[in-house]
Protein backbone atom coordinates (compact mmCIF):
# COMPACT_ATOMS: atom_id res chain seq x y z
CA MET A 1 -0.02 -0.04 0.00
CA ARG A 2 1.06 3.63 -0.71
CA VAL A 3 0.96 5.63 2.50
CA GLY A 4 0.86 9.43 2.30
CA ILE A 5 2.01 12.09 4.76
CA PRO A 6 0.90 15.72 4.08
CA LYS A 7 2.25 18.55 5.88
CA GLU A 8 -0.22 19.77 8.59
CA ILE A 9 -1.72 23.04 7.83
CA LYS A 10 -3.99 23.74 10.75
CA ASN A 11 -2.86 27.16 12.65
CA HIS A 12 0.49 26.54 14.19
CA GLU A 13 0.26 22.81 13.87
CA TYR A 14 3.79 21.34 13.69
CA ARG A 15 3.17 17.67 14.38
CA VAL A 16 3.48 15.23 11.72
CA GLY A 17 1.51 11.93 11.07
CA LEU A 18 4.66 9.65 10.88
CA THR A 19 8.20 10.16 12.11
CA PRO A 20 11.19 8.99 10.12
CA ASP A 21 11.40 5.98 12.64
CA SER A 22 7.74 5.11 11.90
CA VAL A 23 8.22 5.54 8.27
CA PHE A 24 11.24 2.96 8.57
CA ASP A 25 8.81 0.42 10.09
CA VAL A 26 6.07 0.89 7.42
CA VAL A 27 8.62 0.52 4.56
CA GLN A 28 10.09 -2.56 6.27
CA ALA A 29 6.54 -4.03 6.29
CA GLY A 30 6.64 -3.78 2.55
CA HIS A 31 4.79 -0.42 1.75
CA GLU A 32 5.65 2.71 0.15
CA VAL A 33 5.51 6.06 1.93
CA VAL A 34 5.02 9.41 0.16
CA VAL A 35 5.77 12.58 2.30
CA GLU A 36 5.25 16.11 1.41
CA THR A 37 8.43 18.31 1.45
CA GLN A 38 9.03 19.92 4.87
CA ALA A 39 6.16 17.96 6.67
CA GLY A 40 8.46 17.15 9.58
CA CYS A 41 10.30 20.49 9.69
CA GLY A 42 8.49 21.87 12.65
CA ILE A 43 9.91 19.24 14.80
CA ASP A 44 13.36 19.03 13.16
CA PHE A 45 12.84 16.29 10.74
CA GLY A 46 14.26 17.28 7.35
CA ASP A 47 13.33 15.74 4.03
CA ASP A 48 16.71 13.80 4.09
CA ASP A 49 15.65 12.18 7.27
CA TYR A 50 12.69 10.59 5.63
CA ARG A 51 14.62 9.74 2.42
CA ALA A 52 17.17 7.84 4.57
CA VAL A 53 14.38 5.49 5.65
CA GLY A 54 12.93 4.90 2.39
CA ALA A 55 10.27 7.55 1.90
CA THR A 56 9.73 9.52 -1.39
CA ILE A 57 9.50 13.31 -0.97
CA VAL A 58 7.16 15.28 -3.25
CA ASP A 59 6.64 19.00 -3.49
CA THR A 60 2.87 19.45 -2.72
CA ALA A 61 0.03 17.87 -0.74
CA ALA A 62 -1.90 17.37 -4.10
CA GLU A 63 0.91 15.03 -5.09
CA VAL A 64 0.65 13.03 -1.85
CA PHE A 65 -3.02 12.63 -2.05
CA ALA A 66 -2.69 11.53 -5.83
CA ALA A 67 -0.09 9.04 -4.97
CA ALA A 68 -1.39 7.65 -1.81
CA ASP A 69 -4.04 4.99 -0.84
CA MET A 70 -3.91 5.86 2.75
CA ILE A 71 -3.60 9.34 4.23
CA VAL A 72 -2.10 9.54 7.69
CA LYS A 73 -2.51 12.87 9.45
CA VAL A 74 -2.69 14.29 12.99
CA LYS A 75 -5.52 16.95 12.88
CA GLU A 76 -8.76 16.78 10.83
CA PRO A 77 -8.41 17.70 7.16
CA GLN A 78 -8.99 21.34 6.40
CA ALA A 79 -11.32 22.06 3.40
CA GLN A 80 -8.66 22.08 0.72
CA GLU A 81 -7.53 18.60 1.90
CA VAL A 82 -11.08 17.49 1.99
CA ALA A 83 -11.54 18.38 -1.62
CA MET A 84 -8.51 16.20 -2.59
CA LEU A 85 -10.15 12.99 -1.05
CA GLU A 86 -11.46 10.26 -3.33
CA PRO A 87 -13.48 7.04 -2.65
CA ARG A 88 -10.37 5.11 -3.04
CA HIS A 89 -8.58 6.88 -0.03
CA ILE A 90 -8.34 5.65 3.59
CA LEU A 91 -8.10 8.74 5.86
CA PHE A 92 -6.66 7.96 9.30
CA THR A 93 -6.33 10.98 11.69
CA TYR A 94 -8.09 12.80 14.39
CA LEU A 95 -11.55 13.87 13.09
CA HIS A 96 -13.78 15.17 15.92
CA LEU A 97 -16.83 15.42 13.67
CA ALA A 98 -19.48 15.84 16.22
CA ALA A 99 -18.77 19.65 16.42
CA ASP A 100 -17.85 20.02 12.68
CA LYS A 101 -20.95 19.61 10.13
CA PRO A 102 -19.16 21.02 7.19
CA GLN A 103 -16.15 18.64 7.66
CA THR A 104 -18.52 15.81 8.02
CA GLU A 105 -20.63 16.53 4.90
CA GLY A 106 -17.32 17.09 2.99
CA LEU A 107 -15.93 13.65 4.11
CA MET A 108 -19.39 12.09 3.11
CA LYS A 109 -19.17 13.60 -0.37
CA SER A 110 -15.71 12.41 -0.82
CA GLY A 111 -16.72 8.69 -0.56
CA ALA A 112 -13.50 8.00 1.54
CA THR A 113 -13.08 5.57 4.36
CA CYS A 114 -12.35 7.93 7.31
CA ILE A 115 -11.21 6.43 10.53
CA ALA A 116 -10.81 8.50 13.58
CA TYR A 117 -8.14 8.16 16.12
CA GLU A 118 -10.39 9.31 18.84
CA THR A 119 -12.98 6.62 18.59
CA VAL A 120 -10.68 3.63 18.05
CA THR A 121 -11.24 1.48 21.37
CA SER A 122 -9.20 -1.11 23.16
CA PRO A 123 -10.25 -4.34 24.92
CA ASN A 124 -10.62 -2.51 28.24
CA ARG A 125 -12.83 -0.06 26.53
CA SER A 126 -10.35 2.78 26.74
CA LEU A 127 -9.40 5.12 23.87
CA PRO A 128 -5.80 4.20 23.07
CA LEU A 129 -5.22 6.74 20.21
CA LEU A 130 -6.90 9.63 22.13
CA LYS A 131 -5.08 8.95 25.34
CA PRO A 132 -1.48 10.33 24.56
CA MET A 133 -2.94 13.64 23.30
CA SER A 134 -5.33 13.78 26.30
CA GLU A 135 -2.30 13.34 28.59
CA VAL A 136 -0.47 16.20 26.84
CA ALA A 137 -3.69 18.49 26.84
CA GLY A 138 -4.50 17.79 30.48
CA ARG A 139 -0.86 18.78 31.59
CA MET A 140 -0.80 21.83 29.40
CA SER A 141 -3.97 23.02 30.68
CA ILE A 142 -2.62 23.75 33.98
CA GLN A 143 0.46 25.41 32.51
CA ALA A 144 -1.78 27.73 30.41
CA GLY A 145 -4.09 28.36 33.42
CA ALA A 146 -1.18 29.33 35.59
CA HIS A 147 0.15 31.72 32.89
CA TYR A 148 -3.17 33.45 32.30
CA LEU A 149 -3.85 33.96 35.81
CA GLU A 150 -0.93 36.45 35.84
CA LYS A 151 -2.11 39.92 36.26
CA GLU A 152 -0.02 41.03 33.08
CA GLN A 153 -1.99 38.49 30.96
CA GLY A 154 -5.34 39.87 32.32
CA GLY A 155 -5.67 37.40 35.00
CA ARG A 156 -6.48 37.64 38.71
CA GLY A 157 -2.80 37.91 39.73
CA ILE A 158 -2.66 34.52 41.57
CA LEU A 159 0.30 32.25 41.84
CA LEU A 160 -1.15 28.85 41.44
CA GLY A 161 0.66 27.23 44.36
CA GLY A 162 0.69 30.32 46.62
CA VAL A 163 3.41 30.97 49.15
CA PRO A 164 3.97 30.42 52.94
CA GLY A 165 1.20 32.52 54.42
CA VAL A 166 -0.84 32.99 51.28
CA ALA A 167 -3.31 30.38 50.12
CA PRO A 168 -2.83 28.64 46.77
CA ALA A 169 -5.19 29.11 43.86
CA THR A 170 -8.42 26.92 43.76
CA VAL A 171 -8.39 24.47 40.84
CA THR A 172 -11.62 22.85 39.73
CA ILE A 173 -11.33 20.00 37.25
CA ILE A 174 -14.60 18.76 35.71
CA GLY A 175 -13.95 15.19 34.29
CA GLY A 176 -11.84 12.57 35.78
CA GLY A 177 -10.67 10.73 32.78
CA VAL A 178 -7.13 10.85 31.25
CA ALA A 179 -7.16 14.56 30.64
CA GLY A 180 -8.63 15.35 34.13
CA LEU A 181 -6.18 12.88 35.79
CA ASN A 182 -3.09 14.54 34.10
CA ALA A 183 -4.38 18.16 34.87
CA ALA A 184 -4.64 17.09 38.58
CA GLN A 185 -1.30 15.70 38.50
CA MET A 186 0.17 18.90 37.38
CA ALA A 187 -1.96 21.12 39.54
CA VAL A 188 -0.86 18.95 42.65
CA GLY A 189 2.57 19.22 41.65
CA LEU A 190 2.27 23.13 41.82
CA ARG A 191 0.65 22.74 45.21
CA ALA A 192 -2.73 24.19 44.16
CA ASP A 193 -5.87 23.36 46.03
CA VAL A 194 -7.51 20.74 43.56
CA THR A 195 -10.95 19.32 43.41
CA ILE A 196 -12.12 16.79 40.60
CA TYR A 197 -15.56 16.32 39.73
CA ASP A 198 -17.02 13.38 37.68
CA ILE A 199 -20.32 11.56 37.49
CA SER A 200 -18.89 8.08 38.05
CA ASN A 201 -18.39 7.12 41.59
CA ASP A 202 -16.24 4.32 40.68
CA ARG A 203 -14.00 6.75 38.96
CA LEU A 204 -14.01 9.21 41.92
CA ALA A 205 -12.97 6.25 44.29
CA GLU A 206 -10.02 5.47 41.98
CA LEU A 207 -8.94 8.93 41.97
CA SER A 208 -9.09 9.32 45.62
CA THR A 209 -7.12 6.15 46.04
CA HIS A 210 -4.49 7.49 43.47
CA PHE A 211 -4.13 10.90 45.01
CA GLY A 212 -4.83 10.33 48.57
CA ALA A 213 -5.12 13.62 50.60
CA SER A 214 -3.58 15.65 47.77
CA ILE A 215 -7.08 16.28 46.17
CA LYS A 216 -10.61 16.54 46.82
CA THR A 217 -13.28 14.86 44.95
CA GLY A 218 -17.07 15.57 44.24
CA TYR A 219 -19.92 14.19 42.32
CA ALA A 220 -20.54 16.32 39.34
CA SER A 221 -24.10 17.36 39.94
CA LYS A 222 -25.26 20.57 38.45
CA ALA A 223 -25.51 22.17 41.95
CA ALA A 224 -22.08 21.13 42.82
CA ILE A 225 -20.38 22.50 39.78
CA ALA A 226 -22.26 25.73 40.16
CA ALA A 227 -20.99 26.03 43.68
CA ALA A 228 -17.41 25.03 42.71
CA VAL A 229 -17.08 27.64 40.08
CA GLN A 230 -17.87 30.53 42.32
CA GLU A 231 -14.79 29.72 44.32
CA ALA A 232 -12.41 28.40 41.66
CA HIS A 233 -9.60 30.54 40.24
CA LEU A 234 -8.97 28.03 37.54
CA VAL A 235 -11.60 25.57 35.89
CA VAL A 236 -10.57 22.80 33.62
CA GLY A 237 -13.17 21.29 31.45
CA ALA A 238 -12.05 17.72 30.65
CA VAL A 239 -15.27 15.85 29.93
CA LEU A 240 -15.50 13.26 27.11
CA VAL A 241 -18.32 11.73 25.17
CA PRO A 242 -16.45 9.27 22.83
CA GLY A 243 -17.13 10.76 19.38
CA GLY A 244 -20.06 12.78 20.38
CA ALA A 245 -20.62 16.51 21.43
CA ALA A 246 -19.45 17.67 24.74
CA PRO A 247 -22.17 18.51 27.23
CA LYS A 248 -22.37 22.25 28.18
CA LEU A 249 -21.88 21.98 31.95
CA ILE A 250 -21.01 25.65 32.84
CA THR A 251 -23.62 28.28 31.51
CA ARG A 252 -23.07 31.97 31.10
CA ASP A 253 -25.07 32.54 34.43
CA MET A 254 -22.57 30.33 36.23
CA LEU A 255 -19.70 32.13 34.63
CA LYS A 256 -21.15 35.53 36.01
CA THR A 257 -20.64 34.06 39.46
CA MET A 258 -16.83 33.56 39.14
CA LYS A 259 -14.21 35.93 40.53
CA ARG A 260 -13.12 38.48 37.66
CA GLY A 261 -9.90 37.47 36.24
CA SER A 262 -10.28 33.74 36.82
CA VAL A 263 -9.45 31.45 33.94
CA ILE A 264 -11.22 28.57 32.32
CA VAL A 265 -9.41 25.96 29.90
CA ASP A 266 -11.72 24.00 27.79
CA ILE A 267 -9.85 20.66 26.72
CA ALA A 268 -13.22 19.51 25.26
CA ILE A 269 -13.15 22.31 22.64
CA ASP A 270 -12.44 19.70 19.89
CA GLN A 271 -15.81 18.26 20.67
CA GLY A 272 -17.60 21.64 20.79
CA GLY A 273 -16.62 22.56 24.24
CA CYS A 274 -18.19 22.05 27.70
CA PHE A 275 -18.70 25.67 28.62
CA GLU A 276 -21.67 27.68 27.00
CA THR A 277 -19.39 30.49 26.38
CA SER A 278 -16.62 28.40 24.64
CA ARG A 279 -15.55 29.01 21.14
CA ALA A 280 -12.46 27.67 19.51
CA THR A 281 -9.37 29.69 19.39
CA THR A 282 -5.88 29.20 17.82
CA HIS A 283 -2.24 29.50 19.11
CA ASP A 284 -2.15 32.81 17.39
CA GLU A 285 -4.99 34.09 19.62
CA PRO A 286 -5.47 31.54 22.35
CA VAL A 287 -7.64 33.46 24.73
CA TYR A 288 -10.55 35.96 24.89
CA GLU A 289 -12.66 37.34 27.74
CA GLU A 290 -16.37 36.71 28.60
CA GLU A 291 -18.10 38.09 31.67
CA GLY A 292 -14.65 39.00 33.13
CA ILE A 293 -13.35 35.51 32.75
CA ILE A 294 -10.38 34.49 30.50
CA HIS A 295 -11.11 31.67 28.25
CA TYR A 296 -8.38 29.32 26.78
CA CYS A 297 -9.96 27.34 23.97
CA VAL A 298 -7.29 26.26 21.59
CA ALA A 299 -8.38 23.43 19.46
CA ASN A 300 -5.05 21.96 18.94
CA MET A 301 -3.40 22.40 22.37
CA PRO A 302 -0.89 19.61 22.09
CA GLY A 303 0.53 21.32 18.73
CA ALA A 304 2.32 23.73 21.01
CA VAL A 305 4.57 20.94 22.26
CA ALA A 306 4.69 19.39 18.81
CA ARG A 307 7.79 17.19 19.28
CA THR A 308 6.68 15.33 22.50
CA SER A 309 3.18 15.09 20.99
CA THR A 310 4.29 13.57 17.68
CA PHE A 311 6.51 10.81 19.38
CA ALA A 312 3.53 9.95 21.94
CA LEU A 313 1.02 9.89 19.08
CA ASN A 314 3.21 7.84 16.84
CA ASN A 315 3.93 5.22 19.64
CA ALA A 316 -0.04 4.57 19.65
CA THR A 317 -0.91 4.90 15.96
CA LEU A 318 1.85 3.16 14.30
CA PRO A 319 0.69 -0.42 14.86
CA TYR A 320 -2.71 0.54 13.44
CA VAL A 321 -1.15 2.21 10.42
CA ILE A 322 0.72 -1.17 9.68
CA GLN A 323 -2.30 -3.22 10.26
CA LEU A 324 -4.37 -1.13 7.82
CA ALA A 325 -1.57 -1.16 5.21
CA ASN A 326 -1.14 -4.80 5.61
CA LYS A 327 -4.66 -6.06 5.35
CA GLY A 328 -6.65 -3.24 3.86
CA PRO A 329 -9.33 -1.38 5.83
CA ALA A 330 -12.08 -4.03 5.24
CA GLN A 331 -10.00 -7.00 6.46
CA ALA A 332 -8.30 -4.94 9.25
CA MET A 333 -11.62 -3.81 10.70
CA ALA A 334 -13.14 -7.24 10.30
CA ASP A 335 -10.21 -8.82 12.28
CA ASP A 336 -10.03 -5.97 14.86
CA PRO A 337 -13.59 -4.69 16.18
CA HIS A 338 -11.66 -2.17 18.11
CA LEU A 339 -10.18 -0.61 14.98
CA ALA A 340 -13.63 -0.82 13.45
CA ALA A 341 -14.97 1.50 16.34
CA GLY A 342 -12.81 4.15 14.62
CA LEU A 343 -14.82 4.15 11.40
CA ASN A 344 -16.78 7.39 11.27
CA VAL A 345 -17.55 7.93 7.65
CA SER A 346 -17.51 5.58 4.50
CA GLU A 347 -19.23 5.26 1.13
CA GLY A 348 -20.66 8.63 1.85
CA LYS A 349 -22.40 7.52 4.98
CA ILE A 350 -21.92 8.25 8.75
CA ARG A 351 -20.96 5.06 10.42
CA TYR A 352 -20.57 6.37 13.95
CA GLU A 353 -23.93 6.88 15.85
CA ALA A 354 -22.75 9.73 18.20
CA VAL A 355 -21.63 11.81 15.26
CA ALA A 356 -24.92 11.33 13.45
CA GLU A 357 -26.87 12.19 16.51
CA ALA A 358 -24.86 15.33 17.28
CA LEU A 359 -25.26 16.71 13.83
CA ASP A 360 -28.80 15.47 13.10
CA LEU A 361 -27.74 13.31 10.10
CA PRO A 362 -28.69 9.89 9.18
CA PHE A 363 -26.73 7.04 10.78
CA ASN A 364 -26.03 3.93 8.86
């Protein structure tokens, strides 16, 4: 199979679908790899690094799409990339379709087989291809929150961990999954006052055992969240509905009760965001203010630490890339129902129920 790696074109996106080491493994498995020139330059992989492991370098994304059977990316295809997809293509990347009807309709029109990293499952029902970027985003959320709490950045002027004699910042994390756990680890490390909210009592028990007295936990009822945000200096939204739209857990009215200069970080923004006032931002303009509260809603947070993120993602995706290349999508998904769970669109139809439900489109 011919595997294509185009250069990512989303705002300040420096990750790359396959590293040279990953390309080496794909080539050794008997496949061809076509890479757009400078695809890895953002993380110091030059064209010669790819040539050295057997890849062919081409000048444009159009040449990659024309040559390849499978396109391996990081972020969802932009409009000009969707336009280059054909029914013969396999697209393997993050899609996050539940918050993006134009992309969904474009992929349906293309006829391509579109497999989303974020809905591939594992035998223990986790999301192995979403996990590494959730880990990165969770850790970054605390870095970003701490930065924007600084007065010079428009924040309240609070040091996250406080100092002797001065209380630390109050951090509320909504969602105790992978992203929430990693956010808590960072916040605890900086000596903040941390509470995690979740709707699973079993998960709250696991978190309590994991962190001990370093955090507090709470059941994520509407009343509990409303009370928590009033006292919070930093709120991290880390909820996840696999493949579906994120629920709006903090309303504008709740936002009005927060302390001016507080910060909210919406990790769920790829799925539409979990705050009523959230809208996607970019690394060029990462924040905006609503009701006196700073919103950080960058839709590709891990792109800011592109080298770490690329290696972490490749560690997870490479076995699936080789599986798809070796067997073709139909046989690979027939053999592996967990990979089949990643199928979101094919033959012009939506194959993932939560996406269809979120966008009010037919599910097949």
